[in-house]
Amino acid sequence: MEVIPERGEIWWAALDRTPGSEIRKTRPCVVISVKVLNEMRRTVIVVPLSSSPRACPPILIPISCNGQAAVAVSDQIRAVAKERLRSRLGEVTLEEMTALEDGLRQIMQL
């Protein structure tokens, strides 16, 4: 049975086999694609999280992940195959999702 991730959930995702400056290795990612897309496609759209940099909106958005401070790296948004998703870690708060959406709108001028 295929797992359907939900918007706002945080999943461990295997991001390896990436060229250049793309974020790599298995790391937490926030699912930002909507339910209908997640159900119909073999991919989901995610924003990777990092524990190293300090928050600096609109690019680095503060997110709590498993009780730890992290940042969503909004300029590293990407579509990943569902097979890359390993396990669900939790979900972001409404305030965190709103801040991430605002950051994405700013960096993409939407």
N, C-alpha and C. Protein backbone atom coordinates (compact mmCIF):
# COMPACT_ATOMS: atom_id res chain seq x y z
N MET A 1 0.84 -1.18 0.00
CA MET A 1 0.00 0.00 0.00
C MET A 1 0.88 1.25 0.00
N GLU A 2 0.60 2.16 -0.90
CA GLU A 2 1.40 3.37 -1.03
C GLU A 2 1.06 4.36 0.09
N VAL A 3 2.10 4.94 0.67
CA VAL A 3 1.91 5.98 1.68
C VAL A 3 1.69 7.31 0.96
N ILE A 4 0.68 8.05 1.41
CA ILE A 4 0.40 9.36 0.82
C ILE A 4 0.75 10.42 1.86
N PRO A 5 1.88 11.10 1.68
CA PRO A 5 2.24 12.14 2.64
C PRO A 5 1.29 13.32 2.54
N GLU A 6 1.11 14.02 3.65
CA GLU A 6 0.22 15.17 3.71
C GLU A 6 1.02 16.46 3.72
N ARG A 7 0.43 17.51 3.19
CA ARG A 7 1.03 18.84 3.24
C ARG A 7 1.30 19.21 4.70
N GLY A 8 2.51 19.71 4.96
CA GLY A 8 2.88 20.12 6.31
C GLY A 8 3.55 19.04 7.14
N GLU A 9 3.55 17.81 6.64
CA GLU A 9 4.26 16.75 7.36
C GLU A 9 5.77 16.86 7.13
N ILE A 10 6.51 16.40 8.12
CA ILE A 10 7.97 16.33 8.00
C ILE A 10 8.34 14.86 7.84
N TRP A 11 9.11 14.56 6.79
CA TRP A 11 9.53 13.19 6.48
C TRP A 11 11.05 13.13 6.36
N TRP A 12 11.63 12.01 6.79
CA TRP A 12 13.01 11.73 6.41
C TRP A 12 13.00 11.43 4.93
N ALA A 13 13.85 12.09 4.16
CA ALA A 13 13.93 11.86 2.72
C ALA A 13 15.37 11.64 2.31
N ALA A 14 15.60 10.62 1.50
CA ALA A 14 16.93 10.32 0.98
C ALA A 14 17.17 11.19 -0.25
N LEU A 15 18.01 12.20 -0.12
CA LEU A 15 18.21 13.17 -1.20
C LEU A 15 19.51 12.94 -1.97
N ASP A 16 20.22 11.86 -1.66
CA ASP A 16 21.51 11.65 -2.31
C ASP A 16 21.42 11.38 -3.80
N ARG A 17 22.57 11.51 -4.39
CA ARG A 17 22.80 11.53 -5.84
C ARG A 17 22.36 12.88 -6.36
N THR A 18 22.98 13.91 -5.80
CA THR A 18 22.70 15.28 -6.21
C THR A 18 23.98 15.95 -6.68
N PRO A 19 23.90 16.73 -7.73
CA PRO A 19 25.09 17.43 -8.22
C PRO A 19 25.28 18.79 -7.54
N GLY A 20 26.47 19.33 -7.64
CA GLY A 20 26.74 20.71 -7.24
C GLY A 20 26.38 21.05 -5.81
N SER A 21 25.68 22.16 -5.65
CA SER A 21 25.37 22.70 -4.32
C SER A 21 24.01 22.27 -3.79
N GLU A 22 23.36 21.31 -4.43
CA GLU A 22 22.06 20.86 -3.94
C GLU A 22 22.25 20.16 -2.59
N ILE A 23 21.26 20.33 -1.71
CA ILE A 23 21.30 19.65 -0.41
C ILE A 23 21.24 18.16 -0.65
N ARG A 24 22.09 17.45 0.07
CA ARG A 24 22.17 16.00 -0.11
C ARG A 24 22.00 15.27 1.20
N LYS A 25 22.18 14.01 1.20
CA LYS A 25 22.05 13.02 2.26
C LYS A 25 20.61 12.88 2.72
N THR A 26 20.37 11.93 3.61
CA THR A 26 19.04 11.72 4.15
C THR A 26 18.80 12.76 5.23
N ARG A 27 17.75 13.54 5.06
CA ARG A 27 17.46 14.62 6.01
C ARG A 27 15.96 14.86 6.08
N PRO A 28 15.51 15.53 7.13
CA PRO A 28 14.08 15.85 7.22
C PRO A 28 13.69 16.87 6.14
N CYS A 29 12.48 16.70 5.62
CA CYS A 29 11.93 17.61 4.62
C CYS A 29 10.47 17.87 4.93
N VAL A 30 10.02 19.10 4.67
CA VAL A 30 8.62 19.46 4.84
C VAL A 30 7.91 19.26 3.50
N VAL A 31 6.82 18.51 3.51
CA VAL A 31 6.01 18.32 2.31
C VAL A 31 5.16 19.58 2.12
N ILE A 32 5.27 20.19 0.94
CA ILE A 32 4.49 21.41 0.69
C ILE A 32 3.46 21.23 -0.43
N SER A 33 3.49 20.11 -1.13
CA SER A 33 2.49 19.89 -2.18
C SER A 33 1.16 19.49 -1.53
N VAL A 34 0.07 19.78 -2.24
CA VAL A 34 -1.27 19.55 -1.72
C VAL A 34 -1.68 18.08 -1.86
N LYS A 35 -2.67 17.70 -1.07
CA LYS A 35 -3.11 16.30 -0.98
C LYS A 35 -3.43 15.68 -2.34
N VAL A 36 -4.23 16.39 -3.15
CA VAL A 36 -4.64 15.83 -4.44
C VAL A 36 -3.42 15.54 -5.32
N LEU A 37 -2.44 16.42 -5.30
CA LEU A 37 -1.21 16.19 -6.07
C LEU A 37 -0.45 15.00 -5.50
N ASN A 38 -0.36 14.93 -4.18
CA ASN A 38 0.36 13.83 -3.53
C ASN A 38 -0.30 12.48 -3.81
N GLU A 39 -1.62 12.48 -3.97
CA GLU A 39 -2.34 11.25 -4.28
C GLU A 39 -2.15 10.83 -5.73
N MET A 40 -2.11 11.79 -6.64
CA MET A 40 -2.13 11.48 -8.07
C MET A 40 -0.74 11.30 -8.70
N ARG A 41 0.28 11.92 -8.11
CA ARG A 41 1.62 11.88 -8.70
C ARG A 41 2.52 10.90 -7.96
N ARG A 42 3.60 10.49 -8.62
CA ARG A 42 4.59 9.63 -7.98
C ARG A 42 5.64 10.44 -7.24
N THR A 43 5.49 11.77 -7.29
CA THR A 43 6.42 12.66 -6.60
C THR A 43 5.66 13.56 -5.63
N VAL A 44 6.40 14.12 -4.68
CA VAL A 44 5.87 15.14 -3.78
C VAL A 44 6.86 16.30 -3.79
N ILE A 45 6.37 17.49 -3.50
CA ILE A 45 7.24 18.66 -3.45
C ILE A 45 7.61 18.92 -2.00
N VAL A 46 8.92 19.05 -1.76
CA VAL A 46 9.42 19.20 -0.39
C VAL A 46 10.39 20.37 -0.30
N VAL A 47 10.57 20.83 0.93
CA VAL A 47 11.61 21.79 1.27
C VAL A 47 12.48 21.11 2.32
N PRO A 48 13.78 20.92 2.04
CA PRO A 48 14.67 20.27 3.02
C PRO A 48 14.89 21.13 4.25
N LEU A 49 15.16 20.45 5.37
CA LEU A 49 15.51 21.13 6.61
C LEU A 49 17.00 20.97 6.88
N SER A 50 17.54 21.94 7.59
CA SER A 50 18.95 21.90 8.00
C SER A 50 19.03 22.31 9.46
N SER A 51 19.99 21.75 10.17
CA SER A 51 20.16 22.11 11.57
C SER A 51 21.32 23.07 11.76
N SER A 52 22.12 23.31 10.73
CA SER A 52 23.31 24.13 10.92
C SER A 52 23.13 25.64 10.82
N PRO A 53 22.54 26.18 9.76
CA PRO A 53 22.49 27.65 9.67
C PRO A 53 21.48 28.27 10.62
N ARG A 54 21.67 29.55 10.87
CA ARG A 54 20.70 30.32 11.66
C ARG A 54 19.58 30.78 10.73
N ALA A 55 18.42 30.97 11.32
CA ALA A 55 17.27 31.44 10.55
C ALA A 55 17.57 32.80 9.93
N CYS A 56 17.17 32.96 8.68
CA CYS A 56 17.37 34.21 7.95
C CYS A 56 16.30 34.27 6.85
N PRO A 57 15.04 34.58 7.27
CA PRO A 57 13.97 34.64 6.27
C PRO A 57 14.29 35.65 5.18
N PRO A 58 13.84 35.47 3.95
CA PRO A 58 12.89 34.47 3.51
C PRO A 58 13.53 33.15 3.07
N ILE A 59 14.86 33.05 3.08
CA ILE A 59 15.50 31.83 2.59
C ILE A 59 15.55 30.74 3.66
N LEU A 60 15.95 31.06 4.86
CA LEU A 60 16.05 30.08 5.95
C LEU A 60 14.96 30.36 6.98
N ILE A 61 13.93 29.52 6.98
CA ILE A 61 12.74 29.72 7.80
C ILE A 61 12.84 28.84 9.06
N PRO A 62 12.69 29.41 10.26
CA PRO A 62 12.78 28.58 11.47
C PRO A 62 11.64 27.57 11.56
N ILE A 63 12.01 26.32 11.84
CA ILE A 63 11.07 25.20 11.96
C ILE A 63 11.53 24.34 13.13
N SER A 64 10.60 23.83 13.91
CA SER A 64 10.95 22.88 14.97
C SER A 64 10.76 21.48 14.40
N CYS A 65 11.79 20.66 14.53
CA CYS A 65 11.75 19.29 14.00
C CYS A 65 12.13 18.33 15.11
N ASN A 66 11.16 17.54 15.55
CA ASN A 66 11.41 16.58 16.62
C ASN A 66 11.94 17.26 17.88
N GLY A 67 11.44 18.45 18.17
CA GLY A 67 11.86 19.19 19.34
C GLY A 67 13.19 19.92 19.19
N GLN A 68 13.79 19.86 18.01
CA GLN A 68 15.07 20.51 17.75
C GLN A 68 14.87 21.71 16.83
N ALA A 69 15.67 22.75 17.05
CA ALA A 69 15.63 23.91 16.15
C ALA A 69 16.21 23.53 14.80
N ALA A 70 15.55 23.95 13.74
CA ALA A 70 16.00 23.68 12.38
C ALA A 70 15.56 24.86 11.51
N VAL A 71 16.00 24.84 10.27
CA VAL A 71 15.53 25.82 9.30
C VAL A 71 15.11 25.10 8.03
N ALA A 72 14.02 25.58 7.43
CA ALA A 72 13.60 25.11 6.11
C ALA A 72 14.37 25.95 5.10
N VAL A 73 15.09 25.29 4.21
CA VAL A 73 15.92 25.97 3.22
C VAL A 73 15.08 26.17 1.96
N SER A 74 14.36 27.29 1.93
CA SER A 74 13.33 27.49 0.92
C SER A 74 13.86 27.56 -0.51
N ASP A 75 15.11 27.95 -0.70
CA ASP A 75 15.63 28.00 -2.07
C ASP A 75 16.07 26.63 -2.59
N GLN A 76 15.88 25.58 -1.78
CA GLN A 76 16.21 24.22 -2.20
C GLN A 76 14.96 23.37 -2.44
N ILE A 77 13.83 24.04 -2.69
CA ILE A 77 12.57 23.35 -2.96
C ILE A 77 12.77 22.37 -4.13
N ARG A 78 12.16 21.18 -4.00
CA ARG A 78 12.31 20.20 -5.08
C ARG A 78 11.23 19.14 -5.04
N ALA A 79 11.02 18.53 -6.19
CA ALA A 79 10.12 17.37 -6.28
C ALA A 79 10.96 16.12 -6.07
N VAL A 80 10.47 15.22 -5.24
CA VAL A 80 11.18 13.96 -5.00
C VAL A 80 10.22 12.80 -5.20
N ALA A 81 10.73 11.68 -5.66
CA ALA A 81 9.92 10.47 -5.79
C ALA A 81 9.50 10.01 -4.40
N LYS A 82 8.29 9.52 -4.29
CA LYS A 82 7.79 9.03 -2.99
C LYS A 82 8.70 7.94 -2.42
N GLU A 83 9.38 7.23 -3.30
CA GLU A 83 10.30 6.18 -2.82
C GLU A 83 11.46 6.74 -2.00
N ARG A 84 11.74 8.02 -2.15
CA ARG A 84 12.80 8.65 -1.35
C ARG A 84 12.36 8.92 0.09
N LEU A 85 11.05 8.91 0.35
CA LEU A 85 10.55 9.17 1.70
C LEU A 85 10.72 7.92 2.55
N ARG A 86 11.37 8.09 3.69
CA ARG A 86 11.69 6.95 4.56
C ARG A 86 10.70 6.78 5.70
N SER A 87 10.50 7.80 6.51
CA SER A 87 9.57 7.71 7.63
C SER A 87 9.10 9.10 8.03
N ARG A 88 7.90 9.14 8.58
CA ARG A 88 7.29 10.41 9.00
C ARG A 88 7.86 10.80 10.36
N LEU A 89 8.25 12.06 10.48
CA LEU A 89 8.79 12.59 11.74
C LEU A 89 7.78 13.38 12.53
N GLY A 90 6.83 13.99 11.88
CA GLY A 90 5.87 14.85 12.56
C GLY A 90 5.29 15.82 11.57
N GLU A 91 4.95 17.01 12.06
CA GLU A 91 4.40 18.03 11.17
C GLU A 91 4.74 19.42 11.70
N VAL A 92 4.71 20.37 10.80
CA VAL A 92 4.97 21.76 11.19
C VAL A 92 3.70 22.37 11.76
N THR A 93 3.87 23.45 12.52
CA THR A 93 2.71 24.17 13.05
C THR A 93 2.12 25.04 11.94
N LEU A 94 0.93 25.52 12.18
CA LEU A 94 0.29 26.43 11.22
C LEU A 94 1.15 27.68 11.03
N GLU A 95 1.71 28.20 12.11
CA GLU A 95 2.56 29.40 12.04
C GLU A 95 3.83 29.13 11.21
N GLU A 96 4.44 27.95 11.40
CA GLU A 96 5.63 27.59 10.63
C GLU A 96 5.31 27.44 9.15
N MET A 97 4.16 26.82 8.84
CA MET A 97 3.77 26.64 7.44
C MET A 97 3.49 27.99 6.80
N THR A 98 2.85 28.88 7.53
CA THR A 98 2.57 30.22 7.01
C THR A 98 3.88 30.96 6.73
N ALA A 99 4.84 30.87 7.63
CA ALA A 99 6.14 31.52 7.43
C ALA A 99 6.87 30.92 6.23
N LEU A 100 6.79 29.59 6.07
CA LEU A 100 7.42 28.94 4.92
C LEU A 100 6.74 29.37 3.62
N GLU A 101 5.43 29.41 3.60
CA GLU A 101 4.70 29.87 2.41
C GLU A 101 5.08 31.30 2.06
N ASP A 102 5.16 32.17 3.07
CA ASP A 102 5.55 33.57 2.84
C ASP A 102 6.96 33.64 2.26
N GLY A 103 7.88 32.85 2.80
CA GLY A 103 9.24 32.84 2.28
C GLY A 103 9.30 32.37 0.84
N LEU A 104 8.54 31.33 0.51
CA LEU A 104 8.51 30.83 -0.87
C LEU A 104 7.94 31.87 -1.82
N ARG A 105 6.88 32.55 -1.39
CA ARG A 105 6.31 33.61 -2.24
C ARG A 105 7.34 34.71 -2.50
N GLN A 106 8.12 35.07 -1.49
CA GLN A 106 9.10 36.13 -1.64
C GLN A 106 10.24 35.72 -2.59
N ILE A 107 10.78 34.52 -2.40
CA ILE A 107 11.93 34.15 -3.24
C ILE A 107 11.53 33.84 -4.67
N MET A 108 10.24 33.53 -4.90
CA MET A 108 9.77 33.26 -6.26
C MET A 108 8.96 34.41 -6.82
N GLN A 109 8.82 35.45 -6.07
CA GLN A 109 8.04 36.63 -6.46
C GLN A 109 6.64 36.24 -6.94
N LEU A 110 5.95 35.46 -6.12
CA LEU A 110 4.56 35.04 -6.43
C LEU A 110 3.56 35.99 -5.81
